[in-house]
Amino acid sequence: MLVAYSGGVDSAYLAYAARQAAPGGVLALIADSPSLPRTALAAALAFARAHDIPCETLATQELDNPDYRRNDPNRCYFCKDELFGRMAEELRRRPGYRTLVYGVNADDTLDFRPGHRAAGEHGVRAPLLEAGLGKAEIRARAQAAGLEVWDRPAAACLASRVAYGTEVTPEVLARIEQGEEALYGLGFRQVRVRYHQEIVRLEIARAELPRALDLAMADRLAAIFKKLGFRYVTLDLEGYRSGSLNEILPLL
C-alpha cells in the first residue's frame, strides 16, 4: 500500500502500523509544497528513518490551481484532489502496490473536512476511521508502541491558517511559517498564526496563554509580527482550537 504521510501522529502511527503488519509492502509518500513547513518535512523524514519506514517525497502543485488559491471553504478539497490524484498515478506505475490509504480518524468526521470527499473520489482507504479509532486512542497506541510522536501537537497545512476569501500564495504561506517558527522559538508548543491580511490573530494553547499575556512577551510578539509585515497583532483570548476559521462557515 501507499500511505499518504505527513508526519503527524495519525499518519505516522498508520505508516508504522502498516509497516509492522506488512514488512516490505508499504511506502509512505509525503507531499511537498509551500504549504508544508520545512521543520515538519524534516521531522517526518526523520521519523520514517528512525522506524525503518520506506518514505519518499512527492511534489504537489496545488498552488497552480486557481480554485485552490482563491481559498473558498472547499480549498481542502482541491488540495486533496491534487494529492490523491498524484498518489493514484504513483500506484499505477509501481508494480505490486494496490491500495492508497490516509490517516483520517473517527474524530475528524466531526468537523468540516472537504478533503474527505476527494479521498472517496480517488478510492483512498482510511484504516484508522474504518477501525473506529479516535485521536485519543491513536495517541495511546502510539505511546504504547514507543513512538516519539505520540504527544505531538495537532498540525495542519499552512494554508489552513489563511482566512477564507484571502488568496493563498507562497508569500502568505512563508509569512505564516516564519511567524509560527518564531513562536516555537519562544518556547510555545501549541500555536496557530491565523492570517487575516493586515491583521494576524495568534492562537496559543490556553495552558500557555498566561505567558503570552505577560506585557513583556506581548511586546516581543508585536515586534516579531510587525517585522513580518502585519499592521495589527492580536492574541485570541479563546486560545488555540482546531479549525477555528470554520466557525464563520454558517455566515458564508
C-alpha atoms as a PDB file:
ATOM      1  CA  MET A   1       0.000   0.000   0.000  1.00  0.00           C
ATOM      2  CA  LEU A   2       0.923   3.649  -0.424  1.00  0.00           C
ATOM      3  CA  VAL A   3       0.421   5.759   2.702  1.00  0.00           C
ATOM      4  CA  ALA A   4      -0.327   9.481   2.448  1.00  0.00           C
ATOM      5  CA  TYR A   5       2.090  10.592   5.151  1.00  0.00           C
ATOM      6  CA  SER A   6       2.521  13.972   6.831  1.00  0.00           C
ATOM      7  CA  GLY A   7       4.450  13.105   9.996  1.00  0.00           C
ATOM      8  CA  GLY A   8       1.560  13.952  12.328  1.00  0.00           C
ATOM      9  CA  VAL A   9       0.578  11.385  14.926  1.00  0.00           C
ATOM     10  CA  ASP A  10      -2.227   9.880  12.826  1.00  0.00           C
ATOM     11  CA  SER A  11      -0.325   9.294   9.601  1.00  0.00           C
ATOM     12  CA  ALA A  12       2.861   8.381  11.494  1.00  0.00           C
ATOM     13  CA  TYR A  13       1.061   5.729  13.520  1.00  0.00           C
ATOM     14  CA  LEU A  14      -0.682   4.468  10.384  1.00  0.00           C
ATOM     15  CA  ALA A  15       2.608   4.168   8.491  1.00  0.00           C
ATOM     16  CA  TYR A  16       4.251   2.452  11.473  1.00  0.00           C
ATOM     17  CA  ALA A  17       1.375   0.000  11.964  1.00  0.00           C
ATOM     18  CA  ALA A  18       1.233  -0.785   8.251  1.00  0.00           C
ATOM     19  CA  ARG A  19       4.979  -1.417   8.231  1.00  0.00           C
ATOM     20  CA  GLN A  20       4.641  -3.785  11.187  1.00  0.00           C
ATOM     21  CA  ALA A  21       1.765  -5.653   9.549  1.00  0.00           C
ATOM     22  CA  ALA A  22       3.224  -5.888   6.050  1.00  0.00           C
ATOM     23  CA  PRO A  23       7.029  -5.548   6.024  1.00  0.00           C
ATOM     24  CA  GLY A  24       8.181  -4.829   2.506  1.00  0.00           C
ATOM     25  CA  GLY A  25       4.720  -3.888   1.314  1.00  0.00           C
ATOM     26  CA  VAL A  26       4.469  -0.280   2.450  1.00  0.00           C
ATOM     27  CA  LEU A  27       5.700   3.012   1.052  1.00  0.00           C
ATOM     28  CA  ALA A  28       4.991   6.346   2.732  1.00  0.00           C
ATOM     29  CA  LEU A  29       4.624   9.352   0.431  1.00  0.00           C
ATOM     30  CA  ILE A  30       4.874  12.867   1.842  1.00  0.00           C
ATOM     31  CA  ALA A  31       3.500  15.716  -0.268  1.00  0.00           C
ATOM     32  CA  ASP A  32       5.987  18.552  -0.505  1.00  0.00           C
ATOM     33  CA  SER A  33       4.805  22.063  -1.398  1.00  0.00           C
ATOM     34  CA  PRO A  34       4.975  25.592   0.082  1.00  0.00           C
ATOM     35  CA  SER A  35       2.073  24.669   2.384  1.00  0.00           C
ATOM     36  CA  LEU A  36       4.282  22.225   4.322  1.00  0.00           C
ATOM     37  CA  PRO A  37       6.639  23.793   6.913  1.00  0.00           C
ATOM     38  CA  ARG A  38      10.264  22.824   6.404  1.00  0.00           C
ATOM     39  CA  THR A  39      10.588  21.715  10.032  1.00  0.00           C
ATOM     40  CA  ALA A  40       7.566  19.418   9.611  1.00  0.00           C
ATOM     41  CA  LEU A  41       9.101  17.869   6.498  1.00  0.00           C
ATOM     42  CA  ALA A  42      12.400  17.266   8.289  1.00  0.00           C
ATOM     43  CA  ALA A  43      10.644  15.731  11.314  1.00  0.00           C
ATOM     44  CA  ALA A  44       8.521  13.454   9.134  1.00  0.00           C
ATOM     45  CA  LEU A  45      11.537  12.167   7.236  1.00  0.00           C
ATOM     46  CA  ALA A  46      13.450  11.644  10.493  1.00  0.00           C
ATOM     47  CA  PHE A  47      10.589   9.596  11.983  1.00  0.00           C
ATOM     48  CA  ALA A  48      10.434   7.402   8.891  1.00  0.00           C
ATOM     49  CA  ARG A  49      14.182   6.790   9.024  1.00  0.00           C
ATOM     50  CA  ALA A  50      14.100   6.022  12.753  1.00  0.00           C
ATOM     51  CA  HIS A  51      11.413   3.375  12.291  1.00  0.00           C
ATOM     52  CA  ASP A  52      12.636   1.900   9.013  1.00  0.00           C
ATOM     53  CA  ILE A  53       9.592   3.054   7.064  1.00  0.00           C
ATOM     54  CA  PRO A  54      10.353   3.491   3.347  1.00  0.00           C
ATOM     55  CA  CYS A  55       9.460   7.076   2.543  1.00  0.00           C
ATOM     56  CA  GLU A  56       9.640   9.337  -0.491  1.00  0.00           C
ATOM     57  CA  THR A  57       8.641  12.936  -1.115  1.00  0.00           C
ATOM     58  CA  LEU A  58       6.084  13.729  -3.783  1.00  0.00           C
ATOM     59  CA  ALA A  59       5.989  17.267  -5.182  1.00  0.00           C
ATOM     60  CA  THR A  60       2.430  18.564  -5.464  1.00  0.00           C
ATOM     61  CA  GLN A  61       1.248  21.619  -7.387  1.00  0.00           C
ATOM     62  CA  GLU A  62      -1.943  22.696  -5.630  1.00  0.00           C
ATOM     63  CA  LEU A  63      -0.851  26.336  -5.806  1.00  0.00           C
ATOM     64  CA  ASP A  64      -1.085  26.161  -9.597  1.00  0.00           C
ATOM     65  CA  ASN A  65      -4.840  25.622  -9.264  1.00  0.00           C
ATOM     66  CA  PRO A  66      -6.809  28.914  -9.146  1.00  0.00           C
ATOM     67  CA  ASP A  67      -9.643  27.103  -7.355  1.00  0.00           C
ATOM     68  CA  TYR A  68      -7.225  26.313  -4.531  1.00  0.00           C
ATOM     69  CA  ARG A  69      -5.623  29.742  -4.459  1.00  0.00           C
ATOM     70  CA  ARG A  70      -8.899  31.639  -4.183  1.00  0.00           C
ATOM     71  CA  ASN A  71      -9.396  29.920  -0.813  1.00  0.00           C
ATOM     72  CA  ASP A  72     -13.108  29.342  -0.510  1.00  0.00           C
ATOM     73  CA  PRO A  73     -14.389  26.780   2.034  1.00  0.00           C
ATOM     74  CA  ASN A  74     -13.651  23.950  -0.416  1.00  0.00           C
ATOM     75  CA  ARG A  75      -9.920  24.725  -0.587  1.00  0.00           C
ATOM     76  CA  CYS A  76      -9.040  21.465   1.165  1.00  0.00           C
ATOM     77  CA  TYR A  77     -10.908  19.502  -1.497  1.00  0.00           C
ATOM     78  CA  PHE A  78      -8.702  20.903  -4.270  1.00  0.00           C
ATOM     79  CA  CYS A  79      -5.563  20.218  -2.229  1.00  0.00           C
ATOM     80  CA  LYS A  80      -6.503  16.604  -1.549  1.00  0.00           C
ATOM     81  CA  ASP A  81      -7.677  16.121  -5.138  1.00  0.00           C
ATOM     82  CA  GLU A  82      -4.167  17.099  -6.267  1.00  0.00           C
ATOM     83  CA  LEU A  83      -2.528  14.878  -3.652  1.00  0.00           C
ATOM     84  CA  PHE A  84      -4.612  11.778  -4.223  1.00  0.00           C
ATOM     85  CA  GLY A  85      -4.529  12.237  -7.972  1.00  0.00           C
ATOM     86  CA  ARG A  86      -0.728  12.215  -7.850  1.00  0.00           C
ATOM     87  CA  MET A  87      -0.741   9.221  -5.495  1.00  0.00           C
ATOM     88  CA  ALA A  88      -3.064   7.334  -7.855  1.00  0.00           C
ATOM     89  CA  GLU A  89      -0.519   7.924 -10.633  1.00  0.00           C
ATOM     90  CA  GLU A  90       2.202   6.510  -8.370  1.00  0.00           C
ATOM     91  CA  LEU A  91       0.013   3.497  -7.602  1.00  0.00           C
ATOM     92  CA  ARG A  92      -0.422   2.747 -11.297  1.00  0.00           C
ATOM     93  CA  ARG A  93       3.270   2.978 -12.086  1.00  0.00           C
ATOM     94  CA  ARG A  94       4.511   0.871  -9.162  1.00  0.00           C
ATOM     95  CA  PRO A  95       4.040  -2.889  -9.676  1.00  0.00           C
ATOM     96  CA  GLY A  96       2.687  -4.680  -6.621  1.00  0.00           C
ATOM     97  CA  TYR A  97       1.051  -1.676  -4.980  1.00  0.00           C
ATOM     98  CA  ARG A  98      -2.735  -1.883  -4.948  1.00  0.00           C
ATOM     99  CA  THR A  99      -4.120   0.383  -2.215  1.00  0.00           C
ATOM    100  CA  LEU A 100      -3.949   4.043  -1.190  1.00  0.00           C
ATOM    101  CA  VAL A 101      -4.520   4.876   2.489  1.00  0.00           C
ATOM    102  CA  TYR A 102      -4.540   8.023   4.588  1.00  0.00           C
ATOM    103  CA  GLY A 103      -4.683   8.889   8.260  1.00  0.00           C
ATOM    104  CA  VAL A 104      -8.132  10.357   8.823  1.00  0.00           C
ATOM    105  CA  ASN A 105      -9.536   9.228  12.183  1.00  0.00           C
ATOM    106  CA  ALA A 106     -13.011   8.859  13.700  1.00  0.00           C
ATOM    107  CA  ASP A 107     -12.871  12.296  15.360  1.00  0.00           C
ATOM    108  CA  ASP A 108     -12.123  14.047  12.066  1.00  0.00           C
ATOM    109  CA  THR A 109     -15.657  13.387  10.859  1.00  0.00           C
ATOM    110  CA  LEU A 110     -16.939  15.837  13.489  1.00  0.00           C
ATOM    111  CA  ASP A 111     -15.502  18.864  11.651  1.00  0.00           C
ATOM    112  CA  PHE A 112     -15.897  20.286   8.149  1.00  0.00           C
ATOM    113  CA  ARG A 113     -13.366  18.356   6.059  1.00  0.00           C
ATOM    114  CA  PRO A 114     -13.998  18.633   2.296  1.00  0.00           C
ATOM    115  CA  GLY A 115     -10.772  16.747   1.655  1.00  0.00           C
ATOM    116  CA  HIS A 116     -12.566  13.557   2.676  1.00  0.00           C
ATOM    117  CA  ARG A 117     -14.737  13.869  -0.439  1.00  0.00           C
ATOM    118  CA  ALA A 118     -11.622  13.906  -2.634  1.00  0.00           C
ATOM    119  CA  ALA A 119     -10.352  10.796  -0.865  1.00  0.00           C
ATOM    120  CA  GLY A 120     -13.590   9.000  -1.620  1.00  0.00           C
ATOM    121  CA  GLU A 121     -13.492  10.017  -5.268  1.00  0.00           C
ATOM    122  CA  HIS A 122      -9.992   8.558  -5.630  1.00  0.00           C
ATOM    123  CA  GLY A 123     -10.800   5.343  -3.762  1.00  0.00           C
ATOM    124  CA  VAL A 124      -8.478   6.094  -0.837  1.00  0.00           C
ATOM    125  CA  ARG A 125      -8.979   3.859   2.203  1.00  0.00           C
ATOM    126  CA  ALA A 126      -8.992   5.159   5.786  1.00  0.00           C
ATOM    127  CA  PRO A 127      -7.873   2.302   8.079  1.00  0.00           C
ATOM    128  CA  LEU A 128      -7.975   4.332  11.305  1.00  0.00           C
ATOM    129  CA  LEU A 129     -11.500   5.535  10.599  1.00  0.00           C
ATOM    130  CA  GLU A 130     -12.628   2.084   9.481  1.00  0.00           C
ATOM    131  CA  ALA A 131     -11.335   0.691  12.791  1.00  0.00           C
ATOM    132  CA  GLY A 132     -13.250   3.371  14.702  1.00  0.00           C
ATOM    133  CA  LEU A 133     -10.090   4.865  16.220  1.00  0.00           C
ATOM    134  CA  GLY A 134     -10.263   8.438  17.531  1.00  0.00           C
ATOM    135  CA  LYS A 135      -7.368  10.745  18.311  1.00  0.00           C
ATOM    136  CA  ALA A 136      -7.039   9.752  21.974  1.00  0.00           C
ATOM    137  CA  GLU A 137      -6.824   6.045  21.202  1.00  0.00           C
ATOM    138  CA  ILE A 138      -4.330   6.629  18.402  1.00  0.00           C
ATOM    139  CA  ARG A 139      -2.144   8.628  20.762  1.00  0.00           C
ATOM    140  CA  ALA A 140      -2.406   5.874  23.377  1.00  0.00           C
ATOM    141  CA  ARG A 141      -1.454   3.205  20.841  1.00  0.00           C
ATOM    142  CA  ALA A 142       1.455   5.298  19.576  1.00  0.00           C
ATOM    143  CA  GLN A 143       2.691   5.792  23.148  1.00  0.00           C
ATOM    144  CA  ALA A 144       2.402   2.067  23.874  1.00  0.00           C
ATOM    145  CA  ALA A 145       4.470   1.390  20.748  1.00  0.00           C
ATOM    146  CA  GLY A 146       7.150   3.791  21.976  1.00  0.00           C
ATOM    147  CA  LEU A 147       6.640   6.248  19.132  1.00  0.00           C
ATOM    148  CA  GLU A 148       8.036   9.693  19.881  1.00  0.00           C
ATOM    149  CA  VAL A 149       5.184  11.383  18.021  1.00  0.00           C
ATOM    150  CA  TRP A 150       2.504  10.180  20.437  1.00  0.00           C
ATOM    151  CA  ASP A 151       2.076  13.604  22.078  1.00  0.00           C
ATOM    152  CA  ARG A 152       2.989  15.755  19.086  1.00  0.00           C
ATOM    153  CA  PRO A 153       0.629  18.766  18.893  1.00  0.00           C
ATOM    154  CA  ALA A 154      -2.028  18.650  16.204  1.00  0.00           C
ATOM    155  CA  ALA A 155      -0.810  20.063  12.905  1.00  0.00           C
ATOM    156  CA  ALA A 156      -2.297  21.049   9.577  1.00  0.00           C
ATOM    157  CA  CYS A 157      -1.061  22.604   6.359  1.00  0.00           C
ATOM    158  CA  LEU A 158      -0.093  26.270   6.421  1.00  0.00           C
ATOM    159  CA  ALA A 159      -2.978  27.185   4.117  1.00  0.00           C
ATOM    160  CA  SER A 160      -5.404  26.237   6.895  1.00  0.00           C
ATOM    161  CA  ARG A 161      -4.289  29.417   8.692  1.00  0.00           C
ATOM    162  CA  VAL A 162      -5.485  31.749   5.915  1.00  0.00           C
ATOM    163  CA  ALA A 163      -8.937  33.303   6.356  1.00  0.00           C
ATOM    164  CA  TYR A 164     -11.424  32.205   3.714  1.00  0.00           C
ATOM    165  CA  GLY A 165     -11.547  34.594   0.773  1.00  0.00           C
ATOM    166  CA  THR A 166      -7.904  35.665   1.115  1.00  0.00           C
ATOM    167  CA  GLU A 167      -5.777  34.308  -1.724  1.00  0.00           C
ATOM    168  CA  VAL A 168      -3.287  31.624  -0.799  1.00  0.00           C
ATOM    169  CA  THR A 169       0.142  32.487  -2.200  1.00  0.00           C
ATOM    170  CA  PRO A 170       3.674  31.274  -1.479  1.00  0.00           C
ATOM    171  CA  GLU A 171       4.416  34.660   0.121  1.00  0.00           C
ATOM    172  CA  VAL A 172       1.465  34.399   2.510  1.00  0.00           C
ATOM    173  CA  LEU A 173       2.425  30.845   3.471  1.00  0.00           C
ATOM    174  CA  ALA A 174       6.028  31.900   4.080  1.00  0.00           C
ATOM    175  CA  ARG A 175       4.951  34.687   6.460  1.00  0.00           C
ATOM    176  CA  ILE A 176       2.799  32.249   8.424  1.00  0.00           C
ATOM    177  CA  GLU A 177       5.613  29.712   8.607  1.00  0.00           C
ATOM    178  CA  GLN A 178       8.106  32.334   9.809  1.00  0.00           C
ATOM    179  CA  GLY A 179       5.637  33.509  12.450  1.00  0.00           C
ATOM    180  CA  GLU A 180       4.981  30.041  13.812  1.00  0.00           C
ATOM    181  CA  GLU A 181       8.678  29.205  13.868  1.00  0.00           C
ATOM    182  CA  ALA A 182       9.224  32.384  15.900  1.00  0.00           C
ATOM    183  CA  LEU A 183       6.568  31.279  18.394  1.00  0.00           C
ATOM    184  CA  TYR A 184       8.180  27.861  18.712  1.00  0.00           C
ATOM    185  CA  GLY A 185      11.494  29.617  19.229  1.00  0.00           C
ATOM    186  CA  LEU A 186       9.965  31.477  22.170  1.00  0.00           C
ATOM    187  CA  GLY A 187       9.042  28.158  23.749  1.00  0.00           C
ATOM    188  CA  PHE A 188       5.349  27.960  22.856  1.00  0.00           C
ATOM    189  CA  ARG A 189       4.234  24.466  21.853  1.00  0.00           C
ATOM    190  CA  GLN A 190       0.664  24.548  20.519  1.00  0.00           C
ATOM    191  CA  VAL A 191       0.085  27.578  18.295  1.00  0.00           C
ATOM    192  CA  ARG A 192      -1.570  28.814  15.135  1.00  0.00           C
ATOM    193  CA  VAL A 193      -0.827  32.009  13.220  1.00  0.00           C
ATOM    194  CA  ARG A 194      -4.185  32.933  11.658  1.00  0.00           C
ATOM    195  CA  TYR A 195      -3.770  35.219   8.669  1.00  0.00           C
ATOM    196  CA  HIS A 196      -6.383  37.977   8.204  1.00  0.00           C
ATOM    197  CA  GLN A 197      -4.492  40.149   5.699  1.00  0.00           C
ATOM    198  CA  GLU A 198      -3.086  43.119   7.689  1.00  0.00           C
ATOM    199  CA  ILE A 199      -4.209  41.510  10.967  1.00  0.00           C
ATOM    200  CA  VAL A 200      -2.572  38.457  12.489  1.00  0.00           C
ATOM    201  CA  ARG A 201      -4.544  36.509  15.101  1.00  0.00           C
ATOM    202  CA  LEU A 202      -2.343  34.399  17.346  1.00  0.00           C
ATOM    203  CA  GLU A 203      -3.873  31.274  18.855  1.00  0.00           C
ATOM    204  CA  ILE A 204      -1.886  29.809  21.734  1.00  0.00           C
ATOM    205  CA  ALA A 205      -2.977  26.857  23.879  1.00  0.00           C
ATOM    206  CA  ARG A 206      -4.865  28.029  26.964  1.00  0.00           C
ATOM    207  CA  ALA A 207      -2.334  26.396  29.282  1.00  0.00           C
ATOM    208  CA  GLU A 208       0.320  28.616  27.691  1.00  0.00           C
ATOM    209  CA  LEU A 209      -1.771  31.806  27.493  1.00  0.00           C
ATOM    210  CA  PRO A 210      -0.630  33.308  30.838  1.00  0.00           C
ATOM    211  CA  ARG A 211       2.899  33.523  29.485  1.00  0.00           C
ATOM    212  CA  ALA A 212       1.662  35.127  26.259  1.00  0.00           C
ATOM    213  CA  LEU A 213      -0.360  37.692  28.245  1.00  0.00           C
ATOM    214  CA  ASP A 214       2.723  38.990  30.038  1.00  0.00           C
ATOM    215  CA  LEU A 215       3.323  42.560  28.836  1.00  0.00           C
ATOM    216  CA  ALA A 216       6.982  41.959  28.067  1.00  0.00           C
ATOM    217  CA  MET A 217       6.084  38.932  25.969  1.00  0.00           C
ATOM    218  CA  ALA A 218       3.314  40.929  24.280  1.00  0.00           C
ATOM    219  CA  ASP A 219       5.915  43.495  23.237  1.00  0.00           C
ATOM    220  CA  ARG A 220       8.090  40.749  21.771  1.00  0.00           C
ATOM    221  CA  LEU A 221       5.176  39.266  19.849  1.00  0.00           C
ATOM    222  CA  ALA A 222       4.188  42.651  18.468  1.00  0.00           C
ATOM    223  CA  ALA A 223       7.749  43.334  17.317  1.00  0.00           C
ATOM    224  CA  ILE A 224       8.108  39.924  15.651  1.00  0.00           C
ATOM    225  CA  PHE A 225       4.879  40.082  13.694  1.00  0.00           C
ATOM    226  CA  LYS A 226       5.126  43.731  12.706  1.00  0.00           C
ATOM    227  CA  LYS A 227       8.527  42.910  11.265  1.00  0.00           C
ATOM    228  CA  LEU A 228       6.773  40.239   9.195  1.00  0.00           C
ATOM    229  CA  GLY A 229       4.550  42.936   7.718  1.00  0.00           C
ATOM    230  CA  PHE A 230       1.382  42.768   9.815  1.00  0.00           C
ATOM    231  CA  ARG A 231      -0.122  46.091  10.846  1.00  0.00           C
ATOM    232  CA  TYR A 232      -2.100  44.748  13.806  1.00  0.00           C
ATOM    233  CA  VAL A 233      -1.010  41.930  16.115  1.00  0.00           C
ATOM    234  CA  THR A 234      -3.809  40.300  18.114  1.00  0.00           C
ATOM    235  CA  LEU A 235      -3.957  37.473  20.648  1.00  0.00           C
ATOM    236  CA  ASP A 236      -7.068  35.267  20.576  1.00  0.00           C
ATOM    237  CA  LEU A 237      -8.302  35.048  24.169  1.00  0.00           C
ATOM    238  CA  GLU A 238     -10.071  31.751  23.492  1.00  0.00           C
ATOM    239  CA  GLY A 239      -6.706  30.182  22.797  1.00  0.00           C
ATOM    240  CA  TYR A 240      -5.795  27.514  20.281  1.00  0.00           C
ATOM    241  CA  ARG A 241      -8.604  25.434  18.801  1.00  0.00           C
ATOM    242  CA  SER A 242      -8.518  23.251  15.739  1.00  0.00           C
ATOM    243  CA  GLY A 243     -10.370  24.587  12.717  1.00  0.00           C
ATOM    244  CA  SER A 244     -11.293  27.939  14.237  1.00  0.00           C
ATOM    245  CA  LEU A 245     -11.602  29.505  10.786  1.00  0.00           C
ATOM    246  CA  ASN A 246     -14.554  27.176  10.179  1.00  0.00           C
ATOM    247  CA  GLU A 247     -16.521  28.985  12.898  1.00  0.00           C
ATOM    248  CA  ILE A 248     -17.688  31.535  10.334  1.00  0.00           C
ATOM    249  CA  LEU A 249     -18.937  28.978   7.792  1.00  0.00           C
ATOM    250  CA  PRO A 250     -22.604  29.350   8.827  1.00  0.00           C
ATOM    251  CA  LEU A 251     -22.298  33.048   7.911  1.00  0.00           C
ATOM    252  CA  LEU A 252     -20.882  32.492   4.427  1.00  0.00           C
END
